[in-house]
C-alpha atoms as a PDB file:
ATOM      1  CA  UNK A   1      -6.214   6.204  25.625  1.00  0.00           C
ATOM      2  CA  UNK A   2      -6.971   8.403  22.616  1.00  0.00           C
ATOM      3  CA  UNK A   3      -5.424   7.444  19.311  1.00  0.00           C
ATOM      4  CA  UNK A   4      -5.371   9.647  16.166  1.00  0.00           C
ATOM      5  CA  UNK A   5      -6.115   7.710  12.922  1.00  0.00           C
ATOM      6  CA  UNK A   6      -5.234   9.056   9.577  1.00  0.00           C
ATOM      7  CA  UNK A   7      -7.820   7.803   7.100  1.00  0.00           C
ATOM      8  CA  UNK A   8      -8.050   7.902   3.325  1.00  0.00           C
ATOM      9  CA  UNK A   9     -11.178   7.258   1.201  1.00  0.00           C
ATOM     10  CA  UNK A  10     -10.537   6.014  -2.288  1.00  0.00           C
ATOM     11  CA  UNK A  11     -13.201   6.134  -5.041  1.00  0.00           C
ATOM     12  CA  UNK A  12     -13.840   6.431  -8.698  1.00  0.00           C
ATOM     13  CA  UNK A  13     -16.592   8.497 -10.327  1.00  0.00           C
ATOM     14  CA  UNK A  14     -17.577   8.993 -14.025  1.00  0.00           C
ATOM     15  CA  UNK A  15     -17.802  12.623 -14.830  1.00  0.00           C
ATOM     16  CA  UNK A  16     -18.955  14.145 -18.161  1.00  0.00           C
ATOM     17  CA  UNK A  17     -16.419  16.961 -18.939  1.00  0.00           C
ATOM     18  CA  UNK A  18     -14.627  18.750 -21.799  1.00  0.00           C
ATOM     19  CA  UNK A  19     -11.132  17.948 -20.297  1.00  0.00           C
ATOM     20  CA  UNK A  20      -9.352  16.137 -17.449  1.00  0.00           C
ATOM     21  CA  UNK A  21      -9.048  19.449 -15.579  1.00  0.00           C
ATOM     22  CA  UNK A  22     -12.715  20.220 -16.035  1.00  0.00           C
ATOM     23  CA  UNK A  23     -13.592  16.649 -14.694  1.00  0.00           C
ATOM     24  CA  UNK A  24     -11.276  17.137 -11.714  1.00  0.00           C
ATOM     25  CA  UNK A  25     -12.711  20.590 -10.998  1.00  0.00           C
ATOM     26  CA  UNK A  26     -16.350  19.360 -11.171  1.00  0.00           C
ATOM     27  CA  UNK A  27     -15.742  16.456  -8.867  1.00  0.00           C
ATOM     28  CA  UNK A  28     -13.502  18.552  -6.414  1.00  0.00           C
ATOM     29  CA  UNK A  29     -16.352  21.222  -6.080  1.00  0.00           C
ATOM     30  CA  UNK A  30     -19.030  18.599  -5.535  1.00  0.00           C
ATOM     31  CA  UNK A  31     -17.065  16.693  -2.957  1.00  0.00           C
ATOM     32  CA  UNK A  32     -16.091  19.970  -1.143  1.00  0.00           C
ATOM     33  CA  UNK A  33     -19.614  20.942  -0.985  1.00  0.00           C
ATOM     34  CA  UNK A  34     -20.740  17.551   0.403  1.00  0.00           C
ATOM     35  CA  UNK A  35     -17.971  17.438   3.000  1.00  0.00           C
ATOM     36  CA  UNK A  36     -18.638  20.997   4.219  1.00  0.00           C
ATOM     37  CA  UNK A  37     -22.351  20.236   4.609  1.00  0.00           C
ATOM     38  CA  UNK A  38     -21.651  17.066   6.496  1.00  0.00           C
ATOM     39  CA  UNK A  39     -21.428  17.740  10.214  1.00  0.00           C
ATOM     40  CA  UNK A  40     -19.944  14.283  10.946  1.00  0.00           C
ATOM     41  CA  UNK A  41     -17.290  14.673   8.434  1.00  0.00           C
ATOM     42  CA  UNK A  42     -16.301  18.080   9.628  1.00  0.00           C
ATOM     43  CA  UNK A  43     -16.742  17.758  13.423  1.00  0.00           C
ATOM     44  CA  UNK A  44     -16.021  14.109  14.055  1.00  0.00           C
ATOM     45  CA  UNK A  45     -13.786  12.810  11.259  1.00  0.00           C
ATOM     46  CA  UNK A  46     -12.066  16.196  10.577  1.00  0.00           C
ATOM     47  CA  UNK A  47     -11.781  15.917   6.794  1.00  0.00           C
ATOM     48  CA  UNK A  48      -8.763  17.990   5.855  1.00  0.00           C
ATOM     49  CA  UNK A  49      -8.292  17.466   2.080  1.00  0.00           C
ATOM     50  CA  UNK A  50      -9.643  16.043  -1.037  1.00  0.00           C
ATOM     51  CA  UNK A  51      -7.523  15.200  -4.111  1.00  0.00           C
ATOM     52  CA  UNK A  52      -7.797  13.080  -7.236  1.00  0.00           C
ATOM     53  CA  UNK A  53      -6.649  12.745 -10.858  1.00  0.00           C
ATOM     54  CA  UNK A  54      -8.806  12.291 -13.989  1.00  0.00           C
ATOM     55  CA  UNK A  55      -8.033   9.736 -16.744  1.00  0.00           C
ATOM     56  CA  UNK A  56      -9.667   8.278 -19.675  1.00  0.00           C
ATOM     57  CA  UNK A  57     -11.145   4.802 -19.064  1.00  0.00           C
ATOM     58  CA  UNK A  58      -9.083   1.949 -20.646  1.00  0.00           C
ATOM     59  CA  UNK A  59      -5.448   1.256 -20.446  1.00  0.00           C
ATOM     60  CA  UNK A  60      -4.951   3.684 -17.605  1.00  0.00           C
ATOM     61  CA  UNK A  61      -7.111   1.543 -15.333  1.00  0.00           C
ATOM     62  CA  UNK A  62      -4.757  -0.853 -13.520  1.00  0.00           C
ATOM     63  CA  UNK A  63      -6.119  -4.178 -12.596  1.00  0.00           C
ATOM     64  CA  UNK A  64      -9.360  -3.726 -14.518  1.00  0.00           C
ATOM     65  CA  UNK A  65     -10.139  -5.104 -17.948  1.00  0.00           C
ATOM     66  CA  UNK A  66     -10.995  -2.677 -20.646  1.00  0.00           C
ATOM     67  CA  UNK A  67     -13.306  -3.244 -23.587  1.00  0.00           C
ATOM     68  CA  UNK A  68     -10.392  -4.358 -25.854  1.00  0.00           C
ATOM     69  CA  UNK A  69      -9.235  -6.986 -23.286  1.00  0.00           C
ATOM     70  CA  UNK A  70     -12.784  -8.374 -23.034  1.00  0.00           C
ATOM     71  CA  UNK A  71     -12.944  -8.811 -26.880  1.00  0.00           C
ATOM     72  CA  UNK A  72      -9.833 -10.835 -26.862  1.00  0.00           C
ATOM     73  CA  UNK A  73     -11.202 -13.304 -24.198  1.00  0.00           C
END
């Protein structure tokens, strides 16, 4: 039997940029180029979309300690 599996890859990258939008654009373009040039991702795993959102490190990082939290410990 053949099953279809919907898969998602989650990751975090640090990008030097002038704005959130610029950071998102830089990463989007880099990942798109990588996926398009990867035969397994295009032909076997059928990568369909890439999405993400930029944020400033610190309080926006859920579940991770930021520098201020570490100073208090």
